[in-house]
Amino acid sequence: MEKIIYSLCALTAAACATLLLRRYLQTRYRLLLWSGLCFVGLTLNNVLLVADRLVFTAVDLSTWRLLAALAAIVLLLWGLIMDGSS
């Protein structure tokens, strides 16, 4: 059951990233760009979670997962600060 849940989380994050970035290309609204990039990082985080828990069970990928999540949140925070100061 956990295989399905982890995979669905990764697919959902990828779908959100795709939709946000497609809409950014149509409107050029910068907050959509930063949100889309954040979801790209969260997708990477979820893919690493699947790899960590299901594929490479003998290897600990938690540091890489946390770094991907941190990078995603920093991107969104950076975008919010830069767009808010304009």
PDB file of N, CA and C in Angstrom:
ATOM      1  N   MET A   1       0.814  -1.195   0.000  1.00  0.00           N
ATOM      2  CA  MET A   1       0.000   0.000   0.000  1.00  0.00           C
ATOM      3  C   MET A   1       0.860   1.262   0.000  1.00  0.00           C
ATOM      4  N   GLU A   2       1.998   1.195   0.700  1.00  0.00           N
ATOM      5  CA  GLU A   2       2.853   2.381   0.759  1.00  0.00           C
ATOM      6  C   GLU A   2       3.446   2.715  -0.611  1.00  0.00           C
ATOM      7  N   LYS A   3       3.652   1.716  -1.456  1.00  0.00           N
ATOM      8  CA  LYS A   3       4.141   1.975  -2.812  1.00  0.00           C
ATOM      9  C   LYS A   3       3.173   2.878  -3.573  1.00  0.00           C
ATOM     10  N   ILE A   4       1.899   2.582  -3.438  1.00  0.00           N
ATOM     11  CA  ILE A   4       0.883   3.369  -4.141  1.00  0.00           C
ATOM     12  C   ILE A   4       0.832   4.787  -3.590  1.00  0.00           C
ATOM     13  N   ILE A   5       0.865   4.922  -2.276  1.00  0.00           N
ATOM     14  CA  ILE A   5       0.764   6.249  -1.664  1.00  0.00           C
ATOM     15  C   ILE A   5       1.971   7.102  -2.013  1.00  0.00           C
ATOM     16  N   TYR A   6       3.171   6.564  -1.890  1.00  0.00           N
ATOM     17  CA  TYR A   6       4.377   7.329  -2.224  1.00  0.00           C
ATOM     18  C   TYR A   6       4.377   7.721  -3.696  1.00  0.00           C
ATOM     19  N   SER A   7       3.980   6.805  -4.549  1.00  0.00           N
ATOM     20  CA  SER A   7       3.957   7.094  -5.987  1.00  0.00           C
ATOM     21  C   SER A   7       2.906   8.151  -6.323  1.00  0.00           C
ATOM     22  N   LEU A   8       1.748   8.077  -5.693  1.00  0.00           N
ATOM     23  CA  LEU A   8       0.708   9.072  -5.935  1.00  0.00           C
ATOM     24  C   LEU A   8       1.134  10.455  -5.449  1.00  0.00           C
ATOM     25  N   CYS A   9       1.855  10.512  -4.353  1.00  0.00           N
ATOM     26  CA  CYS A   9       2.374  11.805  -3.872  1.00  0.00           C
ATOM     27  C   CYS A   9       3.342  12.404  -4.875  1.00  0.00           C
ATOM     28  N   ALA A  10       4.224  11.590  -5.425  1.00  0.00           N
ATOM     29  CA  ALA A  10       5.177  12.081  -6.425  1.00  0.00           C
ATOM     30  C   ALA A  10       4.450  12.530  -7.691  1.00  0.00           C
ATOM     31  N   LEU A  11       3.475  11.761  -8.127  1.00  0.00           N
ATOM     32  CA  LEU A  11       2.720  12.139  -9.325  1.00  0.00           C
ATOM     33  C   LEU A  11       1.902  13.412  -9.106  1.00  0.00           C
ATOM     34  N   THR A  12       1.350  13.574  -7.931  1.00  0.00           N
ATOM     35  CA  THR A  12       0.579  14.780  -7.629  1.00  0.00           C
ATOM     36  C   THR A  12       1.471  16.012  -7.631  1.00  0.00           C
ATOM     37  N   ALA A  13       2.641  15.921  -7.019  1.00  0.00           N
ATOM     38  CA  ALA A  13       3.570  17.051  -7.020  1.00  0.00           C
ATOM     39  C   ALA A  13       4.032  17.378  -8.435  1.00  0.00           C
ATOM     40  N   ALA A  14       4.263  16.346  -9.244  1.00  0.00           N
ATOM     41  CA  ALA A  14       4.666  16.572 -10.640  1.00  0.00           C
ATOM     42  C   ALA A  14       3.546  17.230 -11.436  1.00  0.00           C
ATOM     43  N   ALA A  15       2.312  16.806 -11.182  1.00  0.00           N
ATOM     44  CA  ALA A  15       1.177  17.418 -11.881  1.00  0.00           C
ATOM     45  C   ALA A  15       1.026  18.882 -11.484  1.00  0.00           C
ATOM     46  N   CYS A  16       1.202  19.180 -10.208  1.00  0.00           N
ATOM     47  CA  CYS A  16       1.126  20.575  -9.762  1.00  0.00           C
ATOM     48  C   CYS A  16       2.222  21.408 -10.400  1.00  0.00           C
ATOM     49  N   ALA A  17       3.430  20.879 -10.445  1.00  0.00           N
ATOM     50  CA  ALA A  17       4.541  21.605 -11.073  1.00  0.00           C
ATOM     51  C   ALA A  17       4.254  21.861 -12.544  1.00  0.00           C
ATOM     52  N   THR A  18       3.754  20.861 -13.230  1.00  0.00           N
ATOM     53  CA  THR A  18       3.446  21.009 -14.652  1.00  0.00           C
ATOM     54  C   THR A  18       2.371  22.064 -14.888  1.00  0.00           C
ATOM     55  N   LEU A  19       1.304  22.000 -14.119  1.00  0.00           N
ATOM     56  CA  LEU A  19       0.215  22.961 -14.293  1.00  0.00           C
ATOM     57  C   LEU A  19       0.659  24.386 -13.968  1.00  0.00           C
ATOM     58  N   LEU A  20       1.420  24.553 -12.901  1.00  0.00           N
ATOM     59  CA  LEU A  20       1.885  25.891 -12.519  1.00  0.00           C
ATOM     60  C   LEU A  20       2.836  26.471 -13.565  1.00  0.00           C
ATOM     61  N   LEU A  21       3.764  25.649 -14.042  1.00  0.00           N
ATOM     62  CA  LEU A  21       4.730  26.156 -15.019  1.00  0.00           C
ATOM     63  C   LEU A  21       4.086  26.414 -16.376  1.00  0.00           C
ATOM     64  N   ARG A  22       3.111  25.589 -16.768  1.00  0.00           N
ATOM     65  CA  ARG A  22       2.378  25.856 -18.020  1.00  0.00           C
ATOM     66  C   ARG A  22       1.623  27.167 -17.935  1.00  0.00           C
ATOM     67  N   ARG A  23       0.986  27.411 -16.804  1.00  0.00           N
ATOM     68  CA  ARG A  23       0.241  28.661 -16.635  1.00  0.00           C
ATOM     69  C   ARG A  23       1.190  29.854 -16.595  1.00  0.00           C
ATOM     70  N   TYR A  24       2.371  29.661 -16.018  1.00  0.00           N
ATOM     71  CA  TYR A  24       3.363  30.740 -16.020  1.00  0.00           C
ATOM     72  C   TYR A  24       3.755  31.104 -17.449  1.00  0.00           C
ATOM     73  N   LEU A  25       3.946  30.118 -18.291  1.00  0.00           N
ATOM     74  CA  LEU A  25       4.323  30.385 -19.683  1.00  0.00           C
ATOM     75  C   LEU A  25       3.229  31.135 -20.429  1.00  0.00           C
ATOM     76  N   GLN A  26       1.988  30.969 -20.018  1.00  0.00           N
ATOM     77  CA  GLN A  26       0.878  31.683 -20.655  1.00  0.00           C
ATOM     78  C   GLN A  26       0.744  33.114 -20.145  1.00  0.00           C
ATOM     79  N   THR A  27       0.925  33.311 -18.839  1.00  0.00           N
ATOM     80  CA  THR A  27       0.621  34.612 -18.240  1.00  0.00           C
ATOM     81  C   THR A  27       1.848  35.430 -17.855  1.00  0.00           C
ATOM     82  N   ARG A  28       2.983  34.772 -17.665  1.00  0.00           N
ATOM     83  CA  ARG A  28       4.219  35.408 -17.191  1.00  0.00           C
ATOM     84  C   ARG A  28       4.056  36.040 -15.809  1.00  0.00           C
ATOM     85  N   TYR A  29       3.144  35.499 -15.021  1.00  0.00           N
ATOM     86  CA  TYR A  29       2.967  35.926 -13.639  1.00  0.00           C
ATOM     87  C   TYR A  29       4.030  35.218 -12.809  1.00  0.00           C
ATOM     88  N   ARG A  30       4.972  35.976 -12.230  1.00  0.00           N
ATOM     89  CA  ARG A  30       6.186  35.405 -11.652  1.00  0.00           C
ATOM     90  C   ARG A  30       5.943  34.507 -10.445  1.00  0.00           C
ATOM     91  N   LEU A  31       4.899  34.760  -9.706  1.00  0.00           N
ATOM     92  CA  LEU A  31       4.622  33.901  -8.556  1.00  0.00           C
ATOM     93  C   LEU A  31       4.326  32.469  -8.991  1.00  0.00           C
ATOM     94  N   LEU A  32       3.737  32.314 -10.167  1.00  0.00           N
ATOM     95  CA  LEU A  32       3.514  30.963 -10.708  1.00  0.00           C
ATOM     96  C   LEU A  32       4.831  30.269 -11.003  1.00  0.00           C
ATOM     97  N   LEU A  33       5.816  31.029 -11.464  1.00  0.00           N
ATOM     98  CA  LEU A  33       7.138  30.456 -11.724  1.00  0.00           C
ATOM     99  C   LEU A  33       7.755  29.924 -10.442  1.00  0.00           C
ATOM    100  N   TRP A  34       7.762  30.749  -9.407  1.00  0.00           N
ATOM    101  CA  TRP A  34       8.389  30.327  -8.150  1.00  0.00           C
ATOM    102  C   TRP A  34       7.634  29.152  -7.526  1.00  0.00           C
ATOM    103  N   SER A  35       6.323  29.181  -7.626  1.00  0.00           N
ATOM    104  CA  SER A  35       5.536  28.063  -7.091  1.00  0.00           C
ATOM    105  C   SER A  35       5.793  26.786  -7.888  1.00  0.00           C
ATOM    106  N   GLY A  36       5.883  26.917  -9.199  1.00  0.00           N
ATOM    107  CA  GLY A  36       6.175  25.757 -10.038  1.00  0.00           C
ATOM    108  C   GLY A  36       7.537  25.170  -9.755  1.00  0.00           C
ATOM    109  N   LEU A  37       8.530  26.038  -9.574  1.00  0.00           N
ATOM    110  CA  LEU A  37       9.875  25.550  -9.243  1.00  0.00           C
ATOM    111  C   LEU A  37       9.899  24.886  -7.870  1.00  0.00           C
ATOM    112  N   CYS A  38       9.112  25.420  -6.947  1.00  0.00           N
ATOM    113  CA  CYS A  38       9.005  24.788  -5.634  1.00  0.00           C
ATOM    114  C   CYS A  38       8.444  23.377  -5.769  1.00  0.00           C
ATOM    115  N   PHE A  39       7.427  23.225  -6.587  1.00  0.00           N
ATOM    116  CA  PHE A  39       6.835  21.897  -6.769  1.00  0.00           C
ATOM    117  C   PHE A  39       7.760  20.955  -7.548  1.00  0.00           C
ATOM    118  N   VAL A  40       8.624  21.490  -8.382  1.00  0.00           N
ATOM    119  CA  VAL A  40       9.643  20.640  -9.012  1.00  0.00           C
ATOM    120  C   VAL A  40      10.550  20.061  -7.929  1.00  0.00           C
ATOM    121  N   GLY A  41      10.962  20.900  -6.994  1.00  0.00           N
ATOM    122  CA  GLY A  41      11.784  20.418  -5.877  1.00  0.00           C
ATOM    123  C   GLY A  41      11.046  19.430  -4.999  1.00  0.00           C
ATOM    124  N   LEU A  42       9.764  19.675  -4.766  1.00  0.00           N
ATOM    125  CA  LEU A  42       8.976  18.743  -3.963  1.00  0.00           C
ATOM    126  C   LEU A  42       8.758  17.424  -4.697  1.00  0.00           C
ATOM    127  N   THR A  43       8.664  17.494  -6.025  1.00  0.00           N
ATOM    128  CA  THR A  43       8.592  16.262  -6.814  1.00  0.00           C
ATOM    129  C   THR A  43       9.871  15.452  -6.659  1.00  0.00           C
ATOM    130  N   LEU A  44      11.001  16.152  -6.744  1.00  0.00           N
ATOM    131  CA  LEU A  44      12.292  15.476  -6.541  1.00  0.00           C
ATOM    132  C   LEU A  44      12.348  14.854  -5.151  1.00  0.00           C
ATOM    133  N   ASN A  45      11.865  15.585  -4.169  1.00  0.00           N
ATOM    134  CA  ASN A  45      11.817  15.068  -2.802  1.00  0.00           C
ATOM    135  C   ASN A  45      10.994  13.785  -2.733  1.00  0.00           C
ATOM    136  N   ASN A  46       9.837  13.774  -3.370  1.00  0.00           N
ATOM    137  CA  ASN A  46       8.985  12.582  -3.354  1.00  0.00           C
ATOM    138  C   ASN A  46       9.584  11.423  -4.143  1.00  0.00           C
ATOM    139  N   VAL A  47      10.248  11.721  -5.241  1.00  0.00           N
ATOM    140  CA  VAL A  47      10.919  10.657  -6.008  1.00  0.00           C
ATOM    141  C   VAL A  47      12.042  10.052  -5.173  1.00  0.00           C
ATOM    142  N   LEU A  48      12.777  10.900  -4.468  1.00  0.00           N
ATOM    143  CA  LEU A  48      13.823  10.384  -3.582  1.00  0.00           C
ATOM    144  C   LEU A  48      13.231   9.569  -2.441  1.00  0.00           C
ATOM    145  N   LEU A  49      12.054   9.947  -1.977  1.00  0.00           N
ATOM    146  CA  LEU A  49      11.380   9.165  -0.940  1.00  0.00           C
ATOM    147  C   LEU A  49      11.033   7.769  -1.458  1.00  0.00           C
ATOM    148  N   VAL A  50      10.507   7.705  -2.673  1.00  0.00           N
ATOM    149  CA  VAL A  50      10.199   6.401  -3.272  1.00  0.00           C
ATOM    150  C   VAL A  50      11.470   5.584  -3.414  1.00  0.00           C
ATOM    151  N   ALA A  51      12.527   6.220  -3.896  1.00  0.00           N
ATOM    152  CA  ALA A  51      13.797   5.499  -4.064  1.00  0.00           C
ATOM    153  C   ALA A  51      14.345   5.042  -2.715  1.00  0.00           C
ATOM    154  N   ASP A  52      14.239   5.899  -1.710  1.00  0.00           N
ATOM    155  CA  ASP A  52      14.782   5.590  -0.392  1.00  0.00           C
ATOM    156  C   ASP A  52      14.015   4.454   0.281  1.00  0.00           C
ATOM    157  N   ARG A  53      12.705   4.498   0.228  1.00  0.00           N
ATOM    158  CA  ARG A  53      11.891   3.520   0.955  1.00  0.00           C
ATOM    159  C   ARG A  53      11.644   2.224   0.199  1.00  0.00           C
ATOM    160  N   LEU A  54      11.630   2.299  -1.131  1.00  0.00           N
ATOM    161  CA  LEU A  54      11.207   1.122  -1.889  1.00  0.00           C
ATOM    162  C   LEU A  54      12.294   0.503  -2.760  1.00  0.00           C
ATOM    163  N   VAL A  55      13.202   1.319  -3.290  1.00  0.00           N
ATOM    164  CA  VAL A  55      14.181   0.795  -4.233  1.00  0.00           C
ATOM    165  C   VAL A  55      15.510   0.499  -3.546  1.00  0.00           C
ATOM    166  N   PHE A  56      16.086   1.518  -2.931  1.00  0.00           N
ATOM    167  CA  PHE A  56      17.397   1.380  -2.285  1.00  0.00           C
ATOM    168  C   PHE A  56      17.208   1.315  -0.774  1.00  0.00           C
ATOM    169  N   THR A  57      16.704   0.221  -0.301  1.00  0.00           N
ATOM    170  CA  THR A  57      16.378   0.108   1.120  1.00  0.00           C
ATOM    171  C   THR A  57      17.616   0.051   2.009  1.00  0.00           C
ATOM    172  N   ALA A  58      18.757  -0.344   1.467  1.00  0.00           N
ATOM    173  CA  ALA A  58      19.972  -0.444   2.273  1.00  0.00           C
ATOM    174  C   ALA A  58      20.708   0.894   2.361  1.00  0.00           C
ATOM    175  N   VAL A  59      20.322   1.872   1.551  1.00  0.00           N
ATOM    176  CA  VAL A  59      20.994   3.172   1.517  1.00  0.00           C
ATOM    177  C   VAL A  59      20.069   4.212   2.126  1.00  0.00           C
ATOM    178  N   ASP A  60      20.639   5.105   2.940  1.00  0.00           N
ATOM    179  CA  ASP A  60      19.851   6.169   3.556  1.00  0.00           C
ATOM    180  C   ASP A  60      19.931   7.432   2.699  1.00  0.00           C
ATOM    181  N   LEU A  61      18.810   7.798   2.086  1.00  0.00           N
ATOM    182  CA  LEU A  61      18.755   8.990   1.245  1.00  0.00           C
ATOM    183  C   LEU A  61      18.051  10.155   1.939  1.00  0.00           C
ATOM    184  N   SER A  62      17.911  10.078   3.245  1.00  0.00           N
ATOM    185  CA  SER A  62      17.151  11.109   3.951  1.00  0.00           C
ATOM    186  C   SER A  62      17.818  12.483   3.861  1.00  0.00           C
ATOM    187  N   THR A  63      19.126  12.535   3.850  1.00  0.00           N
ATOM    188  CA  THR A  63      19.816  13.827   3.722  1.00  0.00           C
ATOM    189  C   THR A  63      19.518  14.461   2.373  1.00  0.00           C
ATOM    190  N   TRP A  64      19.543  13.676   1.316  1.00  0.00           N
ATOM    191  CA  TRP A  64      19.250  14.197  -0.017  1.00  0.00           C
ATOM    192  C   TRP A  64      17.791  14.629  -0.134  1.00  0.00           C
ATOM    193  N   ARG A  65      16.896  13.872   0.511  1.00  0.00           N
ATOM    194  CA  ARG A  65      15.486  14.246   0.508  1.00  0.00           C
ATOM    195  C   ARG A  65      15.269  15.579   1.211  1.00  0.00           C
ATOM    196  N   LEU A  66      15.925  15.744   2.358  1.00  0.00           N
ATOM    197  CA  LEU A  66      15.784  16.993   3.098  1.00  0.00           C
ATOM    198  C   LEU A  66      16.388  18.168   2.337  1.00  0.00           C
ATOM    199  N   LEU A  67      17.504  17.938   1.651  1.00  0.00           N
ATOM    200  CA  LEU A  67      18.105  19.008   0.852  1.00  0.00           C
ATOM    201  C   LEU A  67      17.210  19.420  -0.317  1.00  0.00           C
ATOM    202  N   ALA A  68      16.562  18.448  -0.933  1.00  0.00           N
ATOM    203  CA  ALA A  68      15.637  18.764  -2.025  1.00  0.00           C
ATOM    204  C   ALA A  68      14.443  19.564  -1.506  1.00  0.00           C
ATOM    205  N   ALA A  69      13.912  19.184  -0.360  1.00  0.00           N
ATOM    206  CA  ALA A  69      12.789  19.916   0.232  1.00  0.00           C
ATOM    207  C   ALA A  69      13.215  21.318   0.654  1.00  0.00           C
ATOM    208  N   LEU A  70      14.393  21.431   1.224  1.00  0.00           N
ATOM    209  CA  LEU A  70      14.903  22.745   1.626  1.00  0.00           C
ATOM    210  C   LEU A  70      15.083  23.651   0.421  1.00  0.00           C
ATOM    211  N   ALA A  71      15.656  23.125  -0.651  1.00  0.00           N
ATOM    212  CA  ALA A  71      15.854  23.917  -1.869  1.00  0.00           C
ATOM    213  C   ALA A  71      14.509  24.366  -2.436  1.00  0.00           C
ATOM    214  N   ALA A  72      13.515  23.499  -2.395  1.00  0.00           N
ATOM    215  CA  ALA A  72      12.187  23.850  -2.912  1.00  0.00           C
ATOM    216  C   ALA A  72      11.575  24.988  -2.107  1.00  0.00           C
ATOM    217  N   ILE A  73      11.656  24.901  -0.802  1.00  0.00           N
ATOM    218  CA  ILE A  73      11.070  25.930   0.050  1.00  0.00           C
ATOM    219  C   ILE A  73      11.853  27.237  -0.054  1.00  0.00           C
ATOM    220  N   VAL A  74      13.163  27.146  -0.174  1.00  0.00           N
ATOM    221  CA  VAL A  74      13.976  28.360  -0.335  1.00  0.00           C
ATOM    222  C   VAL A  74      13.638  29.057  -1.652  1.00  0.00           C
ATOM    223  N   LEU A  75      13.419  28.296  -2.706  1.00  0.00           N
ATOM    224  CA  LEU A  75      13.019  28.897  -3.983  1.00  0.00           C
ATOM    225  C   LEU A  75      11.700  29.657  -3.853  1.00  0.00           C
ATOM    226  N   LEU A  76      10.737  29.048  -3.205  1.00  0.00           N
ATOM    227  CA  LEU A  76       9.449  29.711  -3.036  1.00  0.00           C
ATOM    228  C   LEU A  76       9.586  30.943  -2.150  1.00  0.00           C
ATOM    229  N   LEU A  77      10.334  30.829  -1.082  1.00  0.00           N
ATOM    230  CA  LEU A  77      10.546  31.963  -0.190  1.00  0.00           C
ATOM    231  C   LEU A  77      11.268  33.094  -0.912  1.00  0.00           C
ATOM    232  N   TRP A  78      12.277  32.754  -1.688  1.00  0.00           N
ATOM    233  CA  TRP A  78      13.005  33.749  -2.476  1.00  0.00           C
ATOM    234  C   TRP A  78      12.055  34.472  -3.436  1.00  0.00           C
ATOM    235  N   GLY A  79      11.230  33.725  -4.114  1.00  0.00           N
ATOM    236  CA  GLY A  79      10.282  34.321  -5.034  1.00  0.00           C
ATOM    237  C   GLY A  79       9.285  35.229  -4.335  1.00  0.00           C
ATOM    238  N   LEU A  80       8.803  34.819  -3.176  1.00  0.00           N
ATOM    239  CA  LEU A  80       7.866  35.654  -2.436  1.00  0.00           C
ATOM    240  C   LEU A  80       8.521  36.948  -1.978  1.00  0.00           C
ATOM    241  N   ILE A  81       9.756  36.874  -1.534  1.00  0.00           N
ATOM    242  CA  ILE A  81      10.460  38.077  -1.082  1.00  0.00           C
ATOM    243  C   ILE A  81      10.760  38.999  -2.254  1.00  0.00           C
ATOM    244  N   MET A  82      11.243  38.439  -3.360  1.00  0.00           N
ATOM    245  CA  MET A  82      11.612  39.272  -4.507  1.00  0.00           C
ATOM    246  C   MET A  82      10.383  39.907  -5.163  1.00  0.00           C
ATOM    247  N   ASP A  83       9.290  39.164  -5.262  1.00  0.00           N
ATOM    248  CA  ASP A  83       8.081  39.732  -5.870  1.00  0.00           C
ATOM    249  C   ASP A  83       7.392  40.702  -4.936  1.00  0.00           C
ATOM    250  N   GLY A  84       7.546  40.479  -3.634  1.00  0.00           N
ATOM    251  CA  GLY A  84       6.922  41.380  -2.660  1.00  0.00           C
ATOM    252  C   GLY A  84       7.637  42.717  -2.559  1.00  0.00           C
ATOM    253  N   SER A  85       8.932  42.734  -2.859  1.00  0.00           N
ATOM    254  CA  SER A  85       9.695  43.989  -2.742  1.00  0.00           C
ATOM    255  C   SER A  85       9.590  44.848  -4.005  1.00  0.00           C
ATOM    256  N   SER A  86       9.038  44.302  -5.063  1.00  0.00           N
ATOM    257  CA  SER A  86       8.922  45.053  -6.332  1.00  0.00           C
ATOM    258  C   SER A  86       7.790  46.045  -6.303  1.00  0.00           C
TER     259      SER A  86
END
